Amino acid sequence: MRRGRGMGLVSWAATGMALMIMAGAGVWQWAVRTGSAAPLNWIDAAFPRDRRARLAATAGYGAHPAQRLELWVPHGESGNRPLIVFYHGGGWHTGAPRDYRFVARTFAEHGFATALVGYRLVPDGRFPAMLQDSAAALAWLARNAAGHGVSGQKVILAGHSAGAYNAVMLALDPQWLRDAGVPDTMVAGAAGLAGPYDFYPFTTDSARAALGHAEPPDRTQPIRFVRSDAPPLLLITGADDDVVKPRNSAALAAALQMAGGEAELVIIPAMGHAGIIMALSKPFARDAAVASQVADFARTRLAQPTSGAVQDRLR
């Protein structure tokens, strides 16, 4: 009888977890429609992790309320932790660092500190404000990360959707780091998740609101800034992404390779736009492929800052 009762409890626990994941999926679809990642963060926080993350610092790097960042480090560890700087998505009009703490929790399990960077949003954050802010946050980290046991000399930039645009533009167009007083050697690589990189003429309201005023419009396009000496890029996209088409990642990877630079392209079958960022949360991680690939890329580039062979991997 005891054994049967125990098996029943296990079964009920498994059923409860499955129901929670199903409910979470529904909440996340609502979150996608409303432009908020906060529900995904709440769901993720309920799941246990092998290694926890600790909030080491919150800071404003400018006077605007959106110019804020959170610095998270693996709990219980000290020393010069490697750093991933993450820019959130939201079409340049929604999002905040606190809504993406699940990203920091995930990368902490891989041994990385994570800076979650906020930036001015439309209308205050129209081009090039989002890039100026993204670079200004790097300048703050270069000055202050070491005081929190985090390496700020070389970092990996990462982001999802609009945040991937920010990260990749900083890696490709050197003017933003230069204007912020950030040495170009600070960026060892950039990982873009489902980002827009070759999307003119603008076809969405969010792109028009954030970038449509820029003259000439080509100056907003990451693909126009490919160069042989750019930091290596990891471009991950979903084959079923109908929000930011996979051709953005494929076109940028091909253009950078043709220019003599390094780009790794990963196309994940049966994954959509939201699925890429959901894969960085505990309940939707599948086989942890997205987080592991970003972590492997970061580990390799931070340990070996010089260029290696280009890989073009399709999955």
C-alpha atoms as a PDB file:
ATOM      1  CA  MET A   1       0.000   0.000   0.000  1.00  0.00           C
ATOM      2  CA  ARG A   2       2.786   2.412   0.864  1.00  0.00           C
ATOM      3  CA  ARG A   3       4.436   1.800  -2.453  1.00  0.00           C
ATOM      4  CA  GLY A   4       1.180   2.406  -4.291  1.00  0.00           C
ATOM      5  CA  ARG A   5       0.583   5.620  -2.370  1.00  0.00           C
ATOM      6  CA  GLY A   6       4.131   6.779  -3.211  1.00  0.00           C
ATOM      7  CA  MET A   7       3.670   6.007  -6.877  1.00  0.00           C
ATOM      8  CA  GLY A   8       0.405   7.897  -6.765  1.00  0.00           C
ATOM      9  CA  LEU A   9       2.102  10.950  -5.281  1.00  0.00           C
ATOM     10  CA  VAL A  10       4.757  10.831  -7.990  1.00  0.00           C
ATOM     11  CA  SER A  11       2.058  10.572 -10.629  1.00  0.00           C
ATOM     12  CA  TRP A  12       0.153  13.493  -9.153  1.00  0.00           C
ATOM     13  CA  ALA A  13       3.359  15.541  -8.973  1.00  0.00           C
ATOM     14  CA  ALA A  14       4.128  14.802 -12.612  1.00  0.00           C
ATOM     15  CA  THR A  15       0.574  15.677 -13.602  1.00  0.00           C
ATOM     16  CA  GLY A  16       0.752  18.901 -11.628  1.00  0.00           C
ATOM     17  CA  MET A  17       4.007  19.875 -13.287  1.00  0.00           C
ATOM     18  CA  ALA A  18       2.569  19.118 -16.728  1.00  0.00           C
ATOM     19  CA  LEU A  19      -0.502  21.236 -15.986  1.00  0.00           C
ATOM     20  CA  MET A  20       1.713  24.061 -14.770  1.00  0.00           C
ATOM     21  CA  ILE A  21       3.716  23.965 -17.982  1.00  0.00           C
ATOM     22  CA  MET A  22       0.527  23.942 -20.067  1.00  0.00           C
ATOM     23  CA  ALA A  23      -0.862  26.860 -18.103  1.00  0.00           C
ATOM     24  CA  GLY A  24       2.464  28.611 -18.432  1.00  0.00           C
ATOM     25  CA  ALA A  25       2.379  28.196 -22.190  1.00  0.00           C
ATOM     26  CA  GLY A  26      -1.027  29.851 -22.277  1.00  0.00           C
ATOM     27  CA  VAL A  27       0.145  32.704 -20.053  1.00  0.00           C
ATOM     28  CA  TRP A  28       3.206  33.178 -22.245  1.00  0.00           C
ATOM     29  CA  GLN A  29       1.088  33.408 -25.404  1.00  0.00           C
ATOM     30  CA  TRP A  30      -0.898  36.121 -23.661  1.00  0.00           C
ATOM     31  CA  ALA A  31       2.367  37.781 -22.700  1.00  0.00           C
ATOM     32  CA  VAL A  32       3.533  37.760 -26.314  1.00  0.00           C
ATOM     33  CA  ARG A  33       0.324  39.478 -27.411  1.00  0.00           C
ATOM     34  CA  THR A  34       0.594  42.129 -24.695  1.00  0.00           C
ATOM     35  CA  GLY A  35       4.342  42.660 -25.073  1.00  0.00           C
ATOM     36  CA  SER A  36       5.365  41.613 -21.553  1.00  0.00           C
ATOM     37  CA  ALA A  37       7.824  38.901 -20.527  1.00  0.00           C
ATOM     38  CA  ALA A  38       6.954  39.271 -16.838  1.00  0.00           C
ATOM     39  CA  PRO A  39       4.644  36.205 -16.752  1.00  0.00           C
ATOM     40  CA  LEU A  40       7.416  34.017 -18.147  1.00  0.00           C
ATOM     41  CA  ASN A  41       9.728  35.277 -15.423  1.00  0.00           C
ATOM     42  CA  TRP A  42       7.157  34.440 -12.744  1.00  0.00           C
ATOM     43  CA  ILE A  43       6.693  30.940 -14.105  1.00  0.00           C
ATOM     44  CA  ASP A  44      10.434  30.339 -14.376  1.00  0.00           C
ATOM     45  CA  ALA A  45      11.039  31.474 -10.790  1.00  0.00           C
ATOM     46  CA  ALA A  46       8.865  28.604  -9.497  1.00  0.00           C
ATOM     47  CA  PHE A  47      11.210  25.954 -10.887  1.00  0.00           C
ATOM     48  CA  PRO A  48      14.270  24.716  -8.953  1.00  0.00           C
ATOM     49  CA  ARG A  49      17.754  25.183 -10.410  1.00  0.00           C
ATOM     50  CA  ASP A  50      21.085  23.502  -9.762  1.00  0.00           C
ATOM     51  CA  ARG A  51      22.799  26.872  -9.349  1.00  0.00           C
ATOM     52  CA  ARG A  52      21.027  30.044  -8.288  1.00  0.00           C
ATOM     53  CA  ALA A  53      21.678  33.632  -9.337  1.00  0.00           C
ATOM     54  CA  ARG A  54      22.188  36.533  -6.954  1.00  0.00           C
ATOM     55  CA  LEU A  55      21.443  40.192  -7.671  1.00  0.00           C
ATOM     56  CA  ALA A  56      24.798  41.924  -7.198  1.00  0.00           C
ATOM     57  CA  ALA A  57      23.873  45.443  -8.296  1.00  0.00           C
ATOM     58  CA  THR A  58      21.181  47.649  -9.749  1.00  0.00           C
ATOM     59  CA  ALA A  59      22.276  50.905 -11.269  1.00  0.00           C
ATOM     60  CA  GLY A  60      21.242  53.824 -13.385  1.00  0.00           C
ATOM     61  CA  TYR A  61      23.739  54.617 -16.127  1.00  0.00           C
ATOM     62  CA  GLY A  62      21.827  57.743 -17.199  1.00  0.00           C
ATOM     63  CA  ALA A  63      19.194  60.200 -16.007  1.00  0.00           C
ATOM     64  CA  HIS A  64      16.215  58.607 -17.803  1.00  0.00           C
ATOM     65  CA  PRO A  65      14.238  56.059 -15.726  1.00  0.00           C
ATOM     66  CA  ALA A  66      14.690  53.409 -18.440  1.00  0.00           C
ATOM     67  CA  GLN A  67      18.490  53.763 -18.418  1.00  0.00           C
ATOM     68  CA  ARG A  68      18.958  51.096 -15.787  1.00  0.00           C
ATOM     69  CA  LEU A  69      20.624  47.715 -15.523  1.00  0.00           C
ATOM     70  CA  GLU A  70      20.727  44.756 -13.170  1.00  0.00           C
ATOM     71  CA  LEU A  71      23.898  42.751 -12.606  1.00  0.00           C
ATOM     72  CA  TRP A  72      23.386  39.116 -11.590  1.00  0.00           C
ATOM     73  CA  VAL A  73      26.083  36.653 -10.546  1.00  0.00           C
ATOM     74  CA  PRO A  74      26.074  32.908  -9.755  1.00  0.00           C
ATOM     75  CA  HIS A  75      25.137  32.509  -6.091  1.00  0.00           C
ATOM     76  CA  GLY A  76      27.913  31.515  -3.700  1.00  0.00           C
ATOM     77  CA  GLU A  77      30.728  32.199  -6.152  1.00  0.00           C
ATOM     78  CA  SER A  78      33.337  34.921  -6.089  1.00  0.00           C
ATOM     79  CA  GLY A  79      36.107  35.987  -8.403  1.00  0.00           C
ATOM     80  CA  ASN A  80      36.307  37.301 -11.915  1.00  0.00           C
ATOM     81  CA  ARG A  81      33.093  35.867 -13.358  1.00  0.00           C
ATOM     82  CA  PRO A  82      32.668  36.042 -17.168  1.00  0.00           C
ATOM     83  CA  LEU A  83      29.901  38.383 -18.268  1.00  0.00           C
ATOM     84  CA  ILE A  84      27.050  38.176 -20.783  1.00  0.00           C
ATOM     85  CA  VAL A  85      25.323  41.509 -21.427  1.00  0.00           C
ATOM     86  CA  PHE A  86      21.689  40.913 -22.399  1.00  0.00           C
ATOM     87  CA  TYR A  87      19.383  43.397 -24.147  1.00  0.00           C
ATOM     88  CA  HIS A  88      15.671  42.608 -23.959  1.00  0.00           C
ATOM     89  CA  GLY A  89      13.229  42.540 -26.845  1.00  0.00           C
ATOM     90  CA  GLY A  90       9.837  44.171 -27.155  1.00  0.00           C
ATOM     91  CA  GLY A  91       9.922  46.006 -30.483  1.00  0.00           C
ATOM     92  CA  TRP A  92      11.802  48.969 -28.930  1.00  0.00           C
ATOM     93  CA  HIS A  93       8.548  50.015 -27.224  1.00  0.00           C
ATOM     94  CA  THR A  94       8.124  47.575 -24.308  1.00  0.00           C
ATOM     95  CA  GLY A  95      10.263  45.625 -21.838  1.00  0.00           C
ATOM     96  CA  ALA A  96      12.319  46.095 -18.687  1.00  0.00           C
ATOM     97  CA  PRO A  97      15.319  44.267 -17.144  1.00  0.00           C
ATOM     98  CA  ARG A  98      13.298  42.878 -14.223  1.00  0.00           C
ATOM     99  CA  ASP A  99      11.048  40.972 -16.646  1.00  0.00           C
ATOM    100  CA  TYR A 100      14.031  39.002 -17.984  1.00  0.00           C
ATOM    101  CA  ARG A 101      15.594  37.760 -14.768  1.00  0.00           C
ATOM    102  CA  PHE A 102      14.987  34.203 -15.973  1.00  0.00           C
ATOM    103  CA  VAL A 103      17.773  34.852 -18.519  1.00  0.00           C
ATOM    104  CA  ALA A 104      20.195  35.650 -15.703  1.00  0.00           C
ATOM    105  CA  ARG A 105      19.102  32.554 -13.780  1.00  0.00           C
ATOM    106  CA  THR A 106      19.714  30.382 -16.834  1.00  0.00           C
ATOM    107  CA  PHE A 107      23.160  31.757 -17.616  1.00  0.00           C
ATOM    108  CA  ALA A 108      24.142  31.503 -13.934  1.00  0.00           C
ATOM    109  CA  GLU A 109      23.681  27.736 -14.254  1.00  0.00           C
ATOM    110  CA  HIS A 110      26.342  27.878 -16.971  1.00  0.00           C
ATOM    111  CA  GLY A 111      28.703  29.880 -14.751  1.00  0.00           C
ATOM    112  CA  PHE A 112      28.118  33.345 -16.215  1.00  0.00           C
ATOM    113  CA  ALA A 113      27.279  36.663 -14.663  1.00  0.00           C
ATOM    114  CA  THR A 114      24.566  38.507 -16.604  1.00  0.00           C
ATOM    115  CA  ALA A 115      23.860  42.198 -17.004  1.00  0.00           C
ATOM    116  CA  LEU A 116      20.221  42.815 -17.917  1.00  0.00           C
ATOM    117  CA  VAL A 117      20.178  46.168 -19.690  1.00  0.00           C
ATOM    118  CA  GLY A 118      17.236  48.500 -20.073  1.00  0.00           C
ATOM    119  CA  TYR A 119      17.197  51.341 -22.579  1.00  0.00           C
ATOM    120  CA  ARG A 120      14.924  54.188 -23.596  1.00  0.00           C
ATOM    121  CA  LEU A 121      11.813  53.009 -25.427  1.00  0.00           C
ATOM    122  CA  VAL A 122       9.734  54.690 -28.120  1.00  0.00           C
ATOM    123  CA  PRO A 123       8.983  57.570 -28.243  1.00  0.00           C
ATOM    124  CA  ASP A 124      12.020  58.618 -26.179  1.00  0.00           C
ATOM    125  CA  GLY A 125      14.053  55.722 -27.547  1.00  0.00           C
ATOM    126  CA  ARG A 126      13.804  56.372 -31.271  1.00  0.00           C
ATOM    127  CA  PHE A 127      16.939  55.598 -33.317  1.00  0.00           C
ATOM    128  CA  PRO A 128      19.738  56.039 -32.397  1.00  0.00           C
ATOM    129  CA  ALA A 129      18.810  56.360 -28.691  1.00  0.00           C
ATOM    130  CA  MET A 130      18.546  52.597 -28.155  1.00  0.00           C
ATOM    131  CA  LEU A 131      22.114  52.161 -29.452  1.00  0.00           C
ATOM    132  CA  GLN A 132      23.499  55.091 -27.488  1.00  0.00           C
ATOM    133  CA  ASP A 133      21.964  53.645 -24.323  1.00  0.00           C
ATOM    134  CA  SER A 134      23.175  50.118 -25.053  1.00  0.00           C
ATOM    135  CA  ALA A 135      26.727  51.453 -25.414  1.00  0.00           C
ATOM    136  CA  ALA A 136      26.435  53.682 -22.333  1.00  0.00           C
ATOM    137  CA  ALA A 137      25.488  50.636 -20.262  1.00  0.00           C
ATOM    138  CA  LEU A 138      28.663  48.926 -21.482  1.00  0.00           C
ATOM    139  CA  ALA A 139      30.676  51.948 -20.368  1.00  0.00           C
ATOM    140  CA  TRP A 140      29.153  51.623 -16.869  1.00  0.00           C
ATOM    141  CA  LEU A 141      30.029  47.927 -16.786  1.00  0.00           C
ATOM    142  CA  ALA A 142      33.596  48.619 -17.922  1.00  0.00           C
ATOM    143  CA  ARG A 143      34.008  50.962 -14.953  1.00  0.00           C
ATOM    144  CA  ASN A 144      32.076  49.054 -12.290  1.00  0.00           C
ATOM    145  CA  ALA A 145      31.766  45.333 -13.015  1.00  0.00           C
ATOM    146  CA  ALA A 146      35.072  44.413 -11.363  1.00  0.00           C
ATOM    147  CA  GLY A 147      33.850  45.858  -8.080  1.00  0.00           C
ATOM    148  CA  HIS A 148      31.180  43.146  -8.039  1.00  0.00           C
ATOM    149  CA  GLY A 149      33.491  40.240  -8.880  1.00  0.00           C
ATOM    150  CA  VAL A 150      32.653  40.337 -12.584  1.00  0.00           C
ATOM    151  CA  SER A 151      34.977  40.721 -15.544  1.00  0.00           C
ATOM    152  CA  GLY A 152      34.217  43.880 -17.511  1.00  0.00           C
ATOM    153  CA  GLN A 153      37.244  43.895 -19.791  1.00  0.00           C
ATOM    154  CA  LYS A 154      35.803  41.432 -22.304  1.00  0.00           C
ATOM    155  CA  VAL A 155      32.116  40.594 -22.574  1.00  0.00           C
ATOM    156  CA  ILE A 156      29.640  38.820 -24.808  1.00  0.00           C
ATOM    157  CA  LEU A 157      26.662  40.817 -26.019  1.00  0.00           C
ATOM    158  CA  ALA A 158      23.341  39.031 -26.443  1.00  0.00           C
ATOM    159  CA  GLY A 159      19.723  39.906 -27.033  1.00  0.00           C
ATOM    160  CA  HIS A 160      16.367  38.766 -28.318  1.00  0.00           C
ATOM    161  CA  SER A 161      14.468  40.396 -31.191  1.00  0.00           C
ATOM    162  CA  ALA A 162      14.869  44.191 -30.829  1.00  0.00           C
ATOM    163  CA  GLY A 163      17.535  43.495 -28.203  1.00  0.00           C
ATOM    164  CA  ALA A 164      19.394  41.304 -30.690  1.00  0.00           C
ATOM    165  CA  TYR A 165      19.386  44.273 -33.053  1.00  0.00           C
ATOM    166  CA  ASN A 166      20.970  46.427 -30.337  1.00  0.00           C
ATOM    167  CA  ALA A 167      23.631  43.837 -29.544  1.00  0.00           C
ATOM    168  CA  VAL A 168      24.565  43.123 -33.156  1.00  0.00           C
ATOM    169  CA  MET A 169      24.638  46.795 -34.138  1.00  0.00           C
ATOM    170  CA  LEU A 170      27.097  47.509 -31.311  1.00  0.00           C
ATOM    171  CA  ALA A 171      29.283  44.673 -32.568  1.00  0.00           C
ATOM    172  CA  LEU A 172      29.207  45.757 -36.217  1.00  0.00           C
ATOM    173  CA  ASP A 173      29.074  49.569 -36.241  1.00  0.00           C
ATOM    174  CA  PRO A 174      32.021  50.867 -34.177  1.00  0.00           C
ATOM    175  CA  GLN A 175      30.703  54.409 -33.802  1.00  0.00           C
ATOM    176  CA  TRP A 176      28.423  53.572 -30.859  1.00  0.00           C
ATOM    177  CA  LEU A 177      31.181  52.139 -28.650  1.00  0.00           C
ATOM    178  CA  ARG A 178      33.576  54.879 -29.700  1.00  0.00           C
ATOM    179  CA  ASP A 179      31.100  57.643 -28.843  1.00  0.00           C
ATOM    180  CA  ALA A 180      30.480  56.074 -25.412  1.00  0.00           C
ATOM    181  CA  GLY A 181      34.199  55.760 -24.673  1.00  0.00           C
ATOM    182  CA  VAL A 182      34.091  51.952 -24.733  1.00  0.00           C
ATOM    183  CA  PRO A 183      37.173  50.217 -26.180  1.00  0.00           C
ATOM    184  CA  ASP A 184      36.230  48.069 -29.150  1.00  0.00           C
ATOM    185  CA  THR A 185      38.240  45.233 -27.612  1.00  0.00           C
ATOM    186  CA  MET A 186      35.603  44.930 -24.867  1.00  0.00           C
ATOM    187  CA  VAL A 187      33.168  43.071 -27.137  1.00  0.00           C
ATOM    188  CA  ALA A 188      34.453  39.539 -27.734  1.00  0.00           C
ATOM    189  CA  GLY A 189      31.351  38.453 -29.639  1.00  0.00           C
ATOM    190  CA  ALA A 190      27.604  38.910 -29.982  1.00  0.00           C
ATOM    191  CA  ALA A 191      24.777  36.363 -29.875  1.00  0.00           C
ATOM    192  CA  GLY A 192      21.601  37.464 -31.623  1.00  0.00           C
ATOM    193  CA  LEU A 193      18.376  35.543 -30.989  1.00  0.00           C
ATOM    194  CA  ALA A 194      15.704  36.055 -33.658  1.00  0.00           C
ATOM    195  CA  GLY A 195      16.939  39.532 -34.473  1.00  0.00           C
ATOM    196  CA  PRO A 196      16.109  41.906 -37.351  1.00  0.00           C
ATOM    197  CA  TYR A 197      19.264  42.697 -39.311  1.00  0.00           C
ATOM    198  CA  ASP A 198      18.125  43.328 -42.896  1.00  0.00           C
ATOM    199  CA  PHE A 199      14.591  44.696 -42.711  1.00  0.00           C
ATOM    200  CA  TYR A 200      14.318  47.823 -44.833  1.00  0.00           C
ATOM    201  CA  PRO A 201      11.843  48.876 -46.148  1.00  0.00           C
ATOM    202  CA  PHE A 202      10.091  48.835 -42.767  1.00  0.00           C
ATOM    203  CA  THR A 203       6.890  46.812 -42.770  1.00  0.00           C
ATOM    204  CA  THR A 204       5.850  46.873 -39.095  1.00  0.00           C
ATOM    205  CA  ASP A 205       4.500  49.657 -36.918  1.00  0.00           C
ATOM    206  CA  SER A 206       7.203  49.075 -34.304  1.00  0.00           C
ATOM    207  CA  ALA A 207      10.032  49.394 -36.832  1.00  0.00           C
ATOM    208  CA  ARG A 208       8.513  52.509 -38.381  1.00  0.00           C
ATOM    209  CA  ALA A 209       8.002  54.118 -34.975  1.00  0.00           C
ATOM    210  CA  ALA A 210      11.545  53.393 -33.800  1.00  0.00           C
ATOM    211  CA  LEU A 211      13.544  53.762 -37.026  1.00  0.00           C
ATOM    212  CA  GLY A 212      11.356  55.208 -39.765  1.00  0.00           C
ATOM    213  CA  HIS A 213      12.603  58.789 -39.346  1.00  0.00           C
ATOM    214  CA  ALA A 214      16.294  57.941 -39.881  1.00  0.00           C
ATOM    215  CA  GLU A 215      18.001  59.411 -42.955  1.00  0.00           C
ATOM    216  CA  PRO A 216      19.367  57.672 -44.838  1.00  0.00           C
ATOM    217  CA  PRO A 217      17.447  54.566 -43.683  1.00  0.00           C
ATOM    218  CA  ASP A 218      20.394  52.309 -44.555  1.00  0.00           C
ATOM    219  CA  ARG A 219      22.201  53.569 -41.457  1.00  0.00           C
ATOM    220  CA  THR A 220      19.715  51.591 -39.330  1.00  0.00           C
ATOM    221  CA  GLN A 221      20.514  48.234 -40.945  1.00  0.00           C
ATOM    222  CA  PRO A 222      23.110  45.939 -39.324  1.00  0.00           C
ATOM    223  CA  ILE A 223      23.815  44.189 -42.632  1.00  0.00           C
ATOM    224  CA  ARG A 224      25.240  47.455 -44.015  1.00  0.00           C
ATOM    225  CA  PHE A 225      28.060  47.398 -41.452  1.00  0.00           C
ATOM    226  CA  VAL A 226      29.615  43.973 -42.028  1.00  0.00           C
ATOM    227  CA  ARG A 227      33.412  44.053 -41.881  1.00  0.00           C
ATOM    228  CA  SER A 228      36.227  41.563 -41.721  1.00  0.00           C
ATOM    229  CA  ASP A 229      37.391  42.648 -38.267  1.00  0.00           C
ATOM    230  CA  ALA A 230      33.980  42.584 -36.583  1.00  0.00           C
ATOM    231  CA  PRO A 231      33.567  40.492 -33.417  1.00  0.00           C
ATOM    232  CA  PRO A 232      32.277  36.972 -34.175  1.00  0.00           C
ATOM    233  CA  LEU A 233      28.513  36.565 -34.304  1.00  0.00           C
ATOM    234  CA  LEU A 234      26.265  33.696 -33.240  1.00  0.00           C
ATOM    235  CA  LEU A 235      22.886  34.071 -34.962  1.00  0.00           C
ATOM    236  CA  ILE A 236      20.129  31.759 -33.727  1.00  0.00           C
ATOM    237  CA  THR A 237      16.683  31.829 -35.276  1.00  0.00           C
ATOM    238  CA  GLY A 238      13.600  29.656 -35.489  1.00  0.00           C
ATOM    239  CA  ALA A 239      12.586  28.137 -38.800  1.00  0.00           C
ATOM    240  CA  ASP A 240       8.938  28.981 -38.044  1.00  0.00           C
ATOM    241  CA  ASP A 241       9.538  32.588 -36.983  1.00  0.00           C
ATOM    242  CA  ASP A 242       6.872  34.691 -38.694  1.00  0.00           C
ATOM    243  CA  VAL A 243       7.619  37.861 -36.714  1.00  0.00           C
ATOM    244  CA  VAL A 244      11.277  38.334 -37.647  1.00  0.00           C
ATOM    245  CA  LYS A 245      11.895  36.115 -40.655  1.00  0.00           C
ATOM    246  CA  PRO A 246      14.840  33.673 -40.492  1.00  0.00           C
ATOM    247  CA  ARG A 247      16.230  35.277 -43.652  1.00  0.00           C
ATOM    248  CA  ASN A 248      17.463  38.152 -41.453  1.00  0.00           C
ATOM    249  CA  SER A 249      19.932  35.870 -39.688  1.00  0.00           C
ATOM    250  CA  ALA A 250      20.808  33.946 -42.839  1.00  0.00           C
ATOM    251  CA  ALA A 251      21.459  37.095 -44.859  1.00  0.00           C
ATOM    252  CA  LEU A 252      23.640  38.672 -42.177  1.00  0.00           C
ATOM    253  CA  ALA A 253      25.657  35.488 -41.651  1.00  0.00           C
ATOM    254  CA  ALA A 254      26.297  35.181 -45.389  1.00  0.00           C
ATOM    255  CA  ALA A 255      27.225  38.858 -45.763  1.00  0.00           C
ATOM    256  CA  LEU A 256      29.635  38.778 -42.829  1.00  0.00           C
ATOM    257  CA  GLN A 257      31.299  35.611 -44.078  1.00  0.00           C
ATOM    258  CA  MET A 258      31.650  37.122 -47.554  1.00  0.00           C
ATOM    259  CA  ALA A 259      33.316  40.171 -45.998  1.00  0.00           C
ATOM    260  CA  GLY A 260      35.843  37.917 -44.259  1.00  0.00           C
ATOM    261  CA  GLY A 261      34.259  37.996 -40.818  1.00  0.00           C
ATOM    262  CA  GLU A 262      32.981  35.193 -38.588  1.00  0.00           C
ATOM    263  CA  ALA A 263      29.373  34.169 -38.236  1.00  0.00           C
ATOM    264  CA  GLU A 264      27.734  31.001 -36.975  1.00  0.00           C
ATOM    265  CA  LEU A 265      24.159  30.469 -38.150  1.00  0.00           C
ATOM    266  CA  VAL A 266      21.790  28.182 -36.242  1.00  0.00           C
ATOM    267  CA  ILE A 267      18.264  27.575 -37.541  1.00  0.00           C
ATOM    268  CA  ILE A 268      16.114  25.558 -35.134  1.00  0.00           C
ATOM    269  CA  PRO A 269      13.266  23.568 -36.739  1.00  0.00           C
ATOM    270  CA  ALA A 270       9.683  24.023 -35.538  1.00  0.00           C
ATOM    271  CA  MET A 271      10.534  27.057 -33.407  1.00  0.00           C
ATOM    272  CA  GLY A 272       8.883  30.471 -33.628  1.00  0.00           C
ATOM    273  CA  HIS A 273       9.818  33.951 -32.507  1.00  0.00           C
ATOM    274  CA  ALA A 274       8.665  33.598 -28.901  1.00  0.00           C
ATOM    275  CA  GLY A 275      10.073  30.081 -28.677  1.00  0.00           C
ATOM    276  CA  ILE A 276      13.662  31.338 -28.831  1.00  0.00           C
ATOM    277  CA  ILE A 277      13.357  33.443 -25.686  1.00  0.00           C
ATOM    278  CA  MET A 278      11.106  30.869 -23.997  1.00  0.00           C
ATOM    279  CA  ALA A 279      13.949  28.366 -24.474  1.00  0.00           C
ATOM    280  CA  LEU A 280      15.988  30.403 -21.969  1.00  0.00           C
ATOM    281  CA  SER A 281      13.421  29.681 -19.248  1.00  0.00           C
ATOM    282  CA  LYS A 282      13.368  26.542 -17.147  1.00  0.00           C
ATOM    283  CA  PRO A 283       9.918  25.153 -18.041  1.00  0.00           C
ATOM    284  CA  PHE A 284      10.350  25.608 -21.800  1.00  0.00           C
ATOM    285  CA  ALA A 285      14.035  24.816 -22.233  1.00  0.00           C
ATOM    286  CA  ARG A 286      13.500  21.574 -24.175  1.00  0.00           C
ATOM    287  CA  ASP A 287      17.024  20.133 -24.318  1.00  0.00           C
ATOM    288  CA  ALA A 288      18.588  23.471 -23.287  1.00  0.00           C
ATOM    289  CA  ALA A 289      19.968  23.827 -26.827  1.00  0.00           C
ATOM    290  CA  VAL A 290      19.632  27.618 -27.045  1.00  0.00           C
ATOM    291  CA  ALA A 291      21.213  28.352 -23.663  1.00  0.00           C
ATOM    292  CA  SER A 292      23.979  25.800 -24.216  1.00  0.00           C
ATOM    293  CA  GLN A 293      24.891  27.195 -27.619  1.00  0.00           C
ATOM    294  CA  VAL A 294      25.050  30.766 -26.318  1.00  0.00           C
ATOM    295  CA  ALA A 295      27.091  29.616 -23.309  1.00  0.00           C
ATOM    296  CA  ASP A 296      29.481  27.572 -25.468  1.00  0.00           C
ATOM    297  CA  PHE A 297      29.920  30.512 -27.845  1.00  0.00           C
ATOM    298  CA  ALA A 298      30.584  32.871 -24.930  1.00  0.00           C
ATOM    299  CA  ARG A 299      32.996  30.494 -23.233  1.00  0.00           C
ATOM    300  CA  THR A 300      34.987  29.984 -26.429  1.00  0.00           C
ATOM    301  CA  ARG A 301      35.135  33.657 -27.398  1.00  0.00           C
ATOM    302  CA  LEU A 302      36.045  34.900 -23.941  1.00  0.00           C
ATOM    303  CA  ALA A 303      38.782  32.288 -23.610  1.00  0.00           C
ATOM    304  CA  GLN A 304      40.048  32.717 -27.176  1.00  0.00           C
ATOM    305  CA  PRO A 305      39.518  36.316 -28.287  1.00  0.00           C
ATOM    306  CA  THR A 306      41.243  35.808 -31.624  1.00  0.00           C
ATOM    307  CA  SER A 307      39.221  34.699 -34.636  1.00  0.00           C
ATOM    308  CA  GLY A 308      38.730  31.008 -35.307  1.00  0.00           C
ATOM    309  CA  ALA A 309      37.214  29.072 -38.175  1.00  0.00           C
ATOM    310  CA  VAL A 310      33.775  30.082 -39.332  1.00  0.00           C
ATOM    311  CA  GLN A 311      31.030  27.542 -38.681  1.00  0.00           C
ATOM    312  CA  ASP A 312      27.674  27.549 -40.399  1.00  0.00           C
ATOM    313  CA  ARG A 313      25.539  25.064 -38.503  1.00  0.00           C
ATOM    314  CA  LEU A 314      21.952  24.329 -39.445  1.00  0.00           C
ATOM    315  CA  ARG A 315      19.734  22.519 -36.969  1.00  0.00           C
END
